[in-house]
């Protein structure tokens, strides 16, 4: 039996659910109403493909990397390495379309005006530089305390 304070679906939940489903219905209506521009079949392929890619590749790979980091990294440096890996993964995933140059238009050089591969490398360098700095500072503090 579920205790009253732990029951599912209070008033706020149901109001939020109805509003959320309304927003989804509005979006689907727009998707289907403007089917020439939105290409629902392509969107369905993208959503299903993205879900499969996540469940069959990304999630197991991230779990494997997490286990390897937990086993290989020393305890005092594990959090910095994990944080850098998480941020690096997010940056790489977010910048993938830019790095691959998917939105480039030949007659419009301002559509993707930067070298996104170099920019990604620079930002990843900053992320890992900060993680290294955290590890170095922790090492100095540990030696000073000893």
N, C-alpha and C. Protein backbone atom coordinates (compact mmCIF):
# COMPACT_ATOMS: atom_id res chain seq x y z
N UNK A 1 0.83 -1.18 0.00
CA UNK A 1 0.00 0.00 0.00
C UNK A 1 0.88 1.25 0.00
N UNK A 2 0.53 2.22 -0.79
CA UNK A 2 1.29 3.46 -0.89
C UNK A 2 0.82 4.41 0.20
N UNK A 3 1.77 4.95 0.93
CA UNK A 3 1.44 5.90 1.98
C UNK A 3 0.94 7.19 1.35
N UNK A 4 0.04 7.92 2.04
CA UNK A 4 -0.54 9.13 1.45
C UNK A 4 0.50 10.17 1.02
N UNK A 5 1.57 10.35 1.80
CA UNK A 5 2.55 11.37 1.44
C UNK A 5 3.42 10.94 0.26
N UNK A 6 3.37 9.66 -0.11
CA UNK A 6 4.16 9.16 -1.23
C UNK A 6 3.31 8.78 -2.44
N UNK A 7 2.03 9.13 -2.40
CA UNK A 7 1.18 8.74 -3.53
C UNK A 7 1.60 9.50 -4.79
N UNK A 8 1.35 8.87 -5.89
CA UNK A 8 1.73 9.45 -7.17
C UNK A 8 0.64 10.36 -7.69
N UNK A 9 1.05 11.43 -8.34
CA UNK A 9 0.10 12.24 -9.07
C UNK A 9 -0.71 13.21 -8.24
N UNK A 10 -0.06 14.16 -7.63
CA UNK A 10 -0.79 15.23 -6.97
C UNK A 10 -1.37 16.20 -7.99
N UNK A 11 -2.01 17.25 -7.51
CA UNK A 11 -2.66 18.21 -8.39
C UNK A 11 -1.66 18.87 -9.34
N UNK A 12 -0.50 19.28 -8.81
CA UNK A 12 0.51 19.94 -9.65
C UNK A 12 1.00 19.00 -10.75
N UNK A 13 1.17 17.72 -10.41
CA UNK A 13 1.60 16.74 -11.42
C UNK A 13 0.61 16.69 -12.58
N UNK A 14 -0.68 16.59 -12.27
CA UNK A 14 -1.67 16.43 -13.33
C UNK A 14 -1.83 17.70 -14.15
N UNK A 15 -1.75 18.86 -13.51
CA UNK A 15 -1.81 20.11 -14.26
C UNK A 15 -0.61 20.20 -15.21
N UNK A 16 0.57 19.87 -14.69
CA UNK A 16 1.78 19.89 -15.52
C UNK A 16 1.70 18.88 -16.65
N UNK A 17 1.15 17.71 -16.37
CA UNK A 17 1.03 16.68 -17.40
C UNK A 17 0.08 17.13 -18.51
N UNK A 18 -1.03 17.73 -18.15
CA UNK A 18 -1.99 18.19 -19.16
C UNK A 18 -1.38 19.30 -20.00
N UNK A 19 -0.69 20.25 -19.35
CA UNK A 19 -0.04 21.32 -20.10
C UNK A 19 1.04 20.74 -21.02
N UNK A 20 1.84 19.81 -20.51
CA UNK A 20 2.89 19.19 -21.31
C UNK A 20 2.34 18.46 -22.52
N UNK A 21 1.30 17.67 -22.33
CA UNK A 21 0.69 16.96 -23.45
C UNK A 21 0.07 17.93 -24.44
N UNK A 22 -0.45 19.05 -23.94
CA UNK A 22 -0.98 20.09 -24.84
C UNK A 22 0.11 20.68 -25.71
N UNK A 23 1.27 20.94 -25.12
CA UNK A 23 2.40 21.46 -25.89
C UNK A 23 2.86 20.44 -26.92
N UNK A 24 2.92 19.17 -26.53
CA UNK A 24 3.31 18.11 -27.47
C UNK A 24 2.30 18.03 -28.62
N UNK A 25 1.01 18.08 -28.30
CA UNK A 25 -0.02 18.01 -29.34
C UNK A 25 0.09 19.20 -30.30
N UNK A 26 0.35 20.38 -29.75
CA UNK A 26 0.51 21.57 -30.59
C UNK A 26 1.72 21.40 -31.52
N UNK A 27 2.82 20.87 -30.99
CA UNK A 27 4.00 20.64 -31.81
C UNK A 27 3.76 19.62 -32.90
N UNK A 28 3.08 18.52 -32.56
CA UNK A 28 2.77 17.50 -33.57
C UNK A 28 1.83 18.05 -34.64
N UNK A 29 0.86 18.87 -34.22
CA UNK A 29 -0.04 19.49 -35.19
C UNK A 29 0.75 20.35 -36.17
N UNK A 30 1.67 21.15 -35.65
CA UNK A 30 2.50 21.98 -36.51
C UNK A 30 3.38 21.15 -37.42
N UNK A 31 3.91 20.06 -36.88
CA UNK A 31 4.75 19.16 -37.67
C UNK A 31 3.98 18.59 -38.85
N UNK A 32 2.76 18.14 -38.60
CA UNK A 32 1.97 17.53 -39.66
C UNK A 32 1.36 18.57 -40.60
N UNK A 33 0.98 19.71 -40.05
CA UNK A 33 0.38 20.76 -40.88
C UNK A 33 1.38 21.34 -41.86
N UNK A 34 2.63 21.43 -41.46
CA UNK A 34 3.68 21.99 -42.32
C UNK A 34 4.62 20.87 -42.80
N UNK A 35 4.04 19.76 -43.21
CA UNK A 35 4.81 18.56 -43.53
C UNK A 35 5.82 18.77 -44.65
N UNK A 36 5.58 19.71 -45.54
CA UNK A 36 6.53 19.94 -46.64
C UNK A 36 7.85 20.47 -46.07
N UNK A 37 7.76 21.35 -45.09
CA UNK A 37 8.96 21.94 -44.50
C UNK A 37 9.56 21.07 -43.39
N UNK A 38 8.70 20.40 -42.63
CA UNK A 38 9.19 19.67 -41.45
C UNK A 38 9.61 18.23 -41.75
N UNK A 39 9.12 17.66 -42.83
CA UNK A 39 9.47 16.29 -43.24
C UNK A 39 9.31 15.29 -42.09
N UNK A 40 8.07 14.97 -41.72
CA UNK A 40 7.82 14.08 -40.58
C UNK A 40 8.52 12.73 -40.67
N UNK A 41 8.65 12.16 -41.86
CA UNK A 41 9.33 10.86 -41.98
C UNK A 41 10.80 10.98 -41.59
N UNK A 42 11.45 12.06 -42.01
CA UNK A 42 12.84 12.27 -41.62
C UNK A 42 12.97 12.47 -40.12
N UNK A 43 12.02 13.22 -39.54
CA UNK A 43 12.05 13.44 -38.10
C UNK A 43 11.85 12.13 -37.35
N UNK A 44 10.92 11.30 -37.81
CA UNK A 44 10.69 10.01 -37.16
C UNK A 44 11.95 9.14 -37.23
N UNK A 45 12.60 9.13 -38.39
CA UNK A 45 13.85 8.38 -38.53
C UNK A 45 14.91 8.91 -37.59
N UNK A 46 15.00 10.24 -37.48
CA UNK A 46 15.98 10.86 -36.59
C UNK A 46 15.70 10.51 -35.13
N UNK A 47 14.45 10.59 -34.71
CA UNK A 47 14.10 10.32 -33.31
C UNK A 47 14.33 8.85 -32.98
N UNK A 48 13.84 7.95 -33.82
CA UNK A 48 14.02 6.52 -33.56
C UNK A 48 15.50 6.15 -33.65
N UNK A 49 16.19 6.66 -34.66
CA UNK A 49 17.63 6.39 -34.78
C UNK A 49 18.41 6.93 -33.61
N UNK A 50 18.04 8.14 -33.15
CA UNK A 50 18.72 8.72 -31.99
C UNK A 50 18.50 7.90 -30.74
N UNK A 51 17.28 7.41 -30.54
CA UNK A 51 16.99 6.58 -29.37
C UNK A 51 17.77 5.27 -29.43
N UNK A 52 17.81 4.65 -30.60
CA UNK A 52 18.56 3.40 -30.74
C UNK A 52 20.06 3.63 -30.57
N UNK A 53 20.56 4.70 -31.16
CA UNK A 53 21.98 5.02 -31.02
C UNK A 53 22.33 5.26 -29.56
N UNK A 54 21.47 5.97 -28.85
CA UNK A 54 21.71 6.21 -27.43
C UNK A 54 21.71 4.91 -26.65
N UNK A 55 20.66 4.10 -26.83
CA UNK A 55 20.49 2.90 -26.01
C UNK A 55 21.48 1.80 -26.35
N UNK A 56 21.87 1.69 -27.62
CA UNK A 56 22.74 0.59 -28.02
C UNK A 56 24.21 0.95 -28.07
N UNK A 57 24.54 2.24 -28.17
CA UNK A 57 25.94 2.63 -28.28
C UNK A 57 26.38 3.58 -27.16
N UNK A 58 25.74 4.75 -27.08
CA UNK A 58 26.22 5.77 -26.14
C UNK A 58 26.13 5.32 -24.68
N UNK A 59 24.97 4.85 -24.25
CA UNK A 59 24.80 4.49 -22.84
C UNK A 59 25.76 3.37 -22.42
N UNK A 60 25.88 2.26 -23.17
CA UNK A 60 26.85 1.24 -22.76
C UNK A 60 28.29 1.75 -22.79
N UNK A 61 28.62 2.56 -23.78
CA UNK A 61 29.98 3.10 -23.87
C UNK A 61 30.29 4.00 -22.67
N UNK A 62 29.34 4.85 -22.30
CA UNK A 62 29.55 5.73 -21.15
C UNK A 62 29.66 4.92 -19.86
N UNK A 63 28.85 3.88 -19.72
CA UNK A 63 28.97 3.02 -18.54
C UNK A 63 30.32 2.33 -18.49
N UNK A 64 30.78 1.84 -19.63
CA UNK A 64 32.09 1.19 -19.68
C UNK A 64 33.21 2.16 -19.31
N UNK A 65 33.17 3.36 -19.87
CA UNK A 65 34.18 4.36 -19.53
C UNK A 65 34.12 4.71 -18.05
N UNK A 66 32.91 4.83 -17.51
CA UNK A 66 32.76 5.12 -16.08
C UNK A 66 33.36 4.04 -15.21
N UNK A 67 33.14 2.79 -15.57
CA UNK A 67 33.72 1.68 -14.80
C UNK A 67 35.24 1.69 -14.92
N UNK A 68 35.75 1.92 -16.13
CA UNK A 68 37.21 1.96 -16.31
C UNK A 68 37.85 3.10 -15.53
N UNK A 69 37.22 4.27 -15.54
CA UNK A 69 37.75 5.40 -14.78
C UNK A 69 37.70 5.10 -13.29
N UNK A 70 36.61 4.51 -12.83
CA UNK A 70 36.49 4.18 -11.41
C UNK A 70 37.56 3.19 -10.98
N UNK A 71 37.94 2.29 -11.86
CA UNK A 71 38.97 1.31 -11.51
C UNK A 71 40.39 1.83 -11.71
N UNK A 72 40.60 2.66 -12.72
CA UNK A 72 41.96 3.06 -13.08
C UNK A 72 42.42 4.34 -12.39
N UNK A 73 41.52 5.30 -12.22
CA UNK A 73 41.93 6.59 -11.66
C UNK A 73 42.03 6.49 -10.15
N UNK A 74 43.07 7.12 -9.58
CA UNK A 74 43.15 7.14 -8.12
C UNK A 74 41.97 7.92 -7.53
N UNK A 75 41.59 7.56 -6.34
CA UNK A 75 40.39 8.14 -5.72
C UNK A 75 40.45 9.66 -5.67
N UNK A 76 41.61 10.22 -5.33
CA UNK A 76 41.71 11.67 -5.16
C UNK A 76 41.57 12.43 -6.48
N UNK A 77 41.81 11.78 -7.61
CA UNK A 77 41.70 12.47 -8.89
C UNK A 77 40.52 12.04 -9.73
N UNK A 78 39.76 11.09 -9.22
CA UNK A 78 38.67 10.51 -10.00
C UNK A 78 37.60 11.54 -10.37
N UNK A 79 37.22 12.40 -9.44
CA UNK A 79 36.15 13.37 -9.71
C UNK A 79 36.55 14.34 -10.82
N UNK A 80 37.80 14.79 -10.80
CA UNK A 80 38.25 15.73 -11.84
C UNK A 80 38.26 15.06 -13.21
N UNK A 81 38.70 13.82 -13.26
CA UNK A 81 38.73 13.09 -14.54
C UNK A 81 37.30 12.83 -15.02
N UNK A 82 36.43 12.42 -14.11
CA UNK A 82 35.04 12.17 -14.51
C UNK A 82 34.36 13.45 -15.00
N UNK A 83 34.58 14.55 -14.30
CA UNK A 83 33.99 15.83 -14.72
C UNK A 83 34.50 16.23 -16.10
N UNK A 84 35.80 16.09 -16.32
CA UNK A 84 36.37 16.45 -17.62
C UNK A 84 35.82 15.54 -18.72
N UNK A 85 35.65 14.27 -18.43
CA UNK A 85 35.08 13.36 -19.43
C UNK A 85 33.63 13.70 -19.75
N UNK A 86 32.85 14.03 -18.73
CA UNK A 86 31.45 14.38 -18.96
C UNK A 86 31.35 15.65 -19.80
N UNK A 87 32.11 16.67 -19.42
CA UNK A 87 32.08 17.93 -20.18
C UNK A 87 32.59 17.71 -21.60
N UNK A 88 33.65 16.91 -21.75
CA UNK A 88 34.19 16.64 -23.09
C UNK A 88 33.17 15.92 -23.96
N UNK A 89 32.48 14.95 -23.40
CA UNK A 89 31.46 14.24 -24.15
C UNK A 89 30.32 15.15 -24.59
N UNK A 90 29.87 16.00 -23.68
CA UNK A 90 28.80 16.95 -24.03
C UNK A 90 29.25 17.91 -25.12
N UNK A 91 30.46 18.43 -24.98
CA UNK A 91 30.97 19.36 -25.99
C UNK A 91 31.10 18.68 -27.36
N UNK A 92 31.64 17.47 -27.36
CA UNK A 92 31.82 16.76 -28.63
C UNK A 92 30.48 16.44 -29.28
N UNK A 93 29.52 16.01 -28.48
CA UNK A 93 28.21 15.67 -29.03
C UNK A 93 27.50 16.91 -29.55
N UNK A 94 27.57 18.00 -28.81
CA UNK A 94 26.91 19.24 -29.22
C UNK A 94 27.55 19.82 -30.48
N UNK A 95 28.86 19.74 -30.58
CA UNK A 95 29.56 20.38 -31.70
C UNK A 95 29.67 19.48 -32.93
N UNK A 96 29.25 18.24 -32.84
CA UNK A 96 29.39 17.29 -33.95
C UNK A 96 28.83 17.82 -35.27
N UNK A 97 27.61 18.38 -35.30
CA UNK A 97 27.10 18.90 -36.58
C UNK A 97 27.94 20.05 -37.13
N UNK A 98 28.50 20.86 -36.24
CA UNK A 98 29.33 21.98 -36.69
C UNK A 98 30.66 21.48 -37.22
N UNK A 99 31.25 20.53 -36.50
CA UNK A 99 32.54 19.98 -36.94
C UNK A 99 32.38 19.26 -38.28
N UNK A 100 31.25 18.57 -38.45
CA UNK A 100 31.00 17.85 -39.71
C UNK A 100 30.57 18.78 -40.84
N UNK A 101 30.31 20.05 -40.52
CA UNK A 101 30.00 21.07 -41.53
C UNK A 101 28.66 20.79 -42.23
N UNK A 102 27.68 20.28 -41.48
CA UNK A 102 26.40 19.90 -42.09
C UNK A 102 25.59 21.08 -42.61
N UNK A 103 25.71 22.25 -41.99
CA UNK A 103 24.87 23.39 -42.39
C UNK A 103 25.56 24.33 -43.36
N UNK A 104 26.69 23.92 -43.88
CA UNK A 104 27.44 24.79 -44.78
C UNK A 104 26.70 24.97 -46.10
N UNK A 105 26.72 26.19 -46.58
CA UNK A 105 26.13 26.52 -47.87
C UNK A 105 27.26 27.07 -48.73
N UNK A 106 27.45 26.49 -49.91
CA UNK A 106 28.59 26.86 -50.75
C UNK A 106 28.59 28.34 -51.12
N UNK A 107 27.46 28.89 -51.44
CA UNK A 107 27.42 30.28 -51.88
C UNK A 107 27.24 31.27 -50.72
N UNK A 108 27.27 30.77 -49.48
CA UNK A 108 27.13 31.65 -48.32
C UNK A 108 28.22 31.30 -47.31
N UNK A 109 29.38 31.93 -47.40
CA UNK A 109 30.48 31.58 -46.50
C UNK A 109 30.21 31.95 -45.05
N UNK A 110 29.19 32.75 -44.78
CA UNK A 110 28.90 33.11 -43.40
C UNK A 110 27.98 32.11 -42.71
N UNK A 111 27.56 31.05 -43.40
CA UNK A 111 26.67 30.08 -42.76
C UNK A 111 27.38 29.33 -41.64
N UNK A 112 28.60 28.95 -41.84
CA UNK A 112 29.45 28.37 -40.78
C UNK A 112 30.82 29.03 -40.91
N UNK A 113 30.99 30.21 -40.30
CA UNK A 113 32.17 31.01 -40.60
C UNK A 113 33.45 30.63 -39.86
N UNK A 114 33.40 29.68 -38.94
CA UNK A 114 34.58 29.38 -38.13
C UNK A 114 35.11 27.98 -38.38
N UNK A 115 36.32 27.74 -37.91
CA UNK A 115 36.90 26.40 -37.95
C UNK A 115 36.48 25.71 -36.64
N UNK A 116 35.38 24.99 -36.69
CA UNK A 116 34.81 24.41 -35.48
C UNK A 116 35.63 23.25 -34.95
N UNK A 117 36.37 22.58 -35.79
CA UNK A 117 37.25 21.51 -35.32
C UNK A 117 38.34 22.09 -34.43
N UNK A 118 38.97 23.16 -34.88
CA UNK A 118 40.00 23.81 -34.07
C UNK A 118 39.41 24.40 -32.80
N UNK A 119 38.21 24.97 -32.90
CA UNK A 119 37.57 25.53 -31.71
C UNK A 119 37.24 24.44 -30.69
N UNK A 120 36.76 23.30 -31.17
CA UNK A 120 36.48 22.19 -30.26
C UNK A 120 37.76 21.73 -29.59
N UNK A 121 38.83 21.60 -30.35
CA UNK A 121 40.11 21.19 -29.77
C UNK A 121 40.58 22.20 -28.72
N UNK A 122 40.39 23.48 -28.98
CA UNK A 122 40.80 24.51 -28.02
C UNK A 122 39.98 24.42 -26.74
N UNK A 123 38.68 24.26 -26.87
CA UNK A 123 37.83 24.18 -25.68
C UNK A 123 38.12 22.90 -24.90
N UNK A 124 38.34 21.79 -25.60
CA UNK A 124 38.71 20.55 -24.90
C UNK A 124 40.05 20.71 -24.20
N UNK A 125 40.97 21.44 -24.82
CA UNK A 125 42.25 21.73 -24.16
C UNK A 125 42.07 22.51 -22.88
N UNK A 126 41.16 23.47 -22.89
CA UNK A 126 40.87 24.24 -21.67
C UNK A 126 40.26 23.34 -20.61
N UNK A 127 39.31 22.51 -20.99
CA UNK A 127 38.65 21.60 -20.04
C UNK A 127 39.68 20.69 -19.38
N UNK A 128 40.52 20.05 -20.19
CA UNK A 128 41.50 19.12 -19.63
C UNK A 128 42.63 19.87 -18.92
N UNK A 129 42.92 21.09 -19.35
CA UNK A 129 43.89 21.91 -18.62
C UNK A 129 43.38 22.24 -17.22
N UNK A 130 42.10 22.58 -17.11
CA UNK A 130 41.52 22.84 -15.80
C UNK A 130 41.50 21.58 -14.93
N UNK A 131 41.17 20.45 -15.54
CA UNK A 131 41.18 19.20 -14.77
C UNK A 131 42.58 18.89 -14.28
N UNK A 132 43.57 19.10 -15.13
CA UNK A 132 44.96 18.88 -14.72
C UNK A 132 45.36 19.85 -13.62
N UNK A 133 44.94 21.11 -13.73
CA UNK A 133 45.25 22.09 -12.69
C UNK A 133 44.63 21.69 -11.36
N UNK A 134 43.42 21.19 -11.39
CA UNK A 134 42.78 20.72 -10.15
C UNK A 134 43.58 19.59 -9.54
N UNK A 135 44.03 18.65 -10.36
CA UNK A 135 44.82 17.53 -9.86
C UNK A 135 46.15 17.99 -9.29
N UNK A 136 46.79 18.94 -9.95
CA UNK A 136 48.09 19.46 -9.46
C UNK A 136 47.90 20.18 -8.13
N UNK A 137 46.88 21.03 -8.04
CA UNK A 137 46.63 21.76 -6.79
C UNK A 137 46.32 20.79 -5.66
N UNK A 138 45.53 19.78 -5.93
CA UNK A 138 45.24 18.77 -4.90
C UNK A 138 46.50 18.04 -4.47
N UNK A 139 47.38 17.76 -5.43
CA UNK A 139 48.64 17.10 -5.09
C UNK A 139 49.51 17.97 -4.21
N UNK A 140 49.60 19.27 -4.52
CA UNK A 140 50.39 20.19 -3.69
C UNK A 140 49.79 20.32 -2.29
N UNK A 141 48.48 20.41 -2.21
CA UNK A 141 47.83 20.53 -0.90
C UNK A 141 48.06 19.28 -0.06
N UNK A 142 48.01 18.14 -0.72
CA UNK A 142 48.21 16.89 0.02
C UNK A 142 49.64 16.80 0.54
N UNK A 143 50.60 17.20 -0.28
CA UNK A 143 52.01 17.17 0.15
C UNK A 143 52.26 18.18 1.26
N UNK A 144 51.62 19.36 1.16
CA UNK A 144 51.81 20.38 2.19
C UNK A 144 51.20 19.95 3.52
N UNK A 145 50.11 19.22 3.46
CA UNK A 145 49.46 18.76 4.69
C UNK A 145 50.23 17.62 5.34
N UNK A 146 51.03 16.90 4.57
CA UNK A 146 51.75 15.73 5.11
C UNK A 146 52.98 16.11 5.88
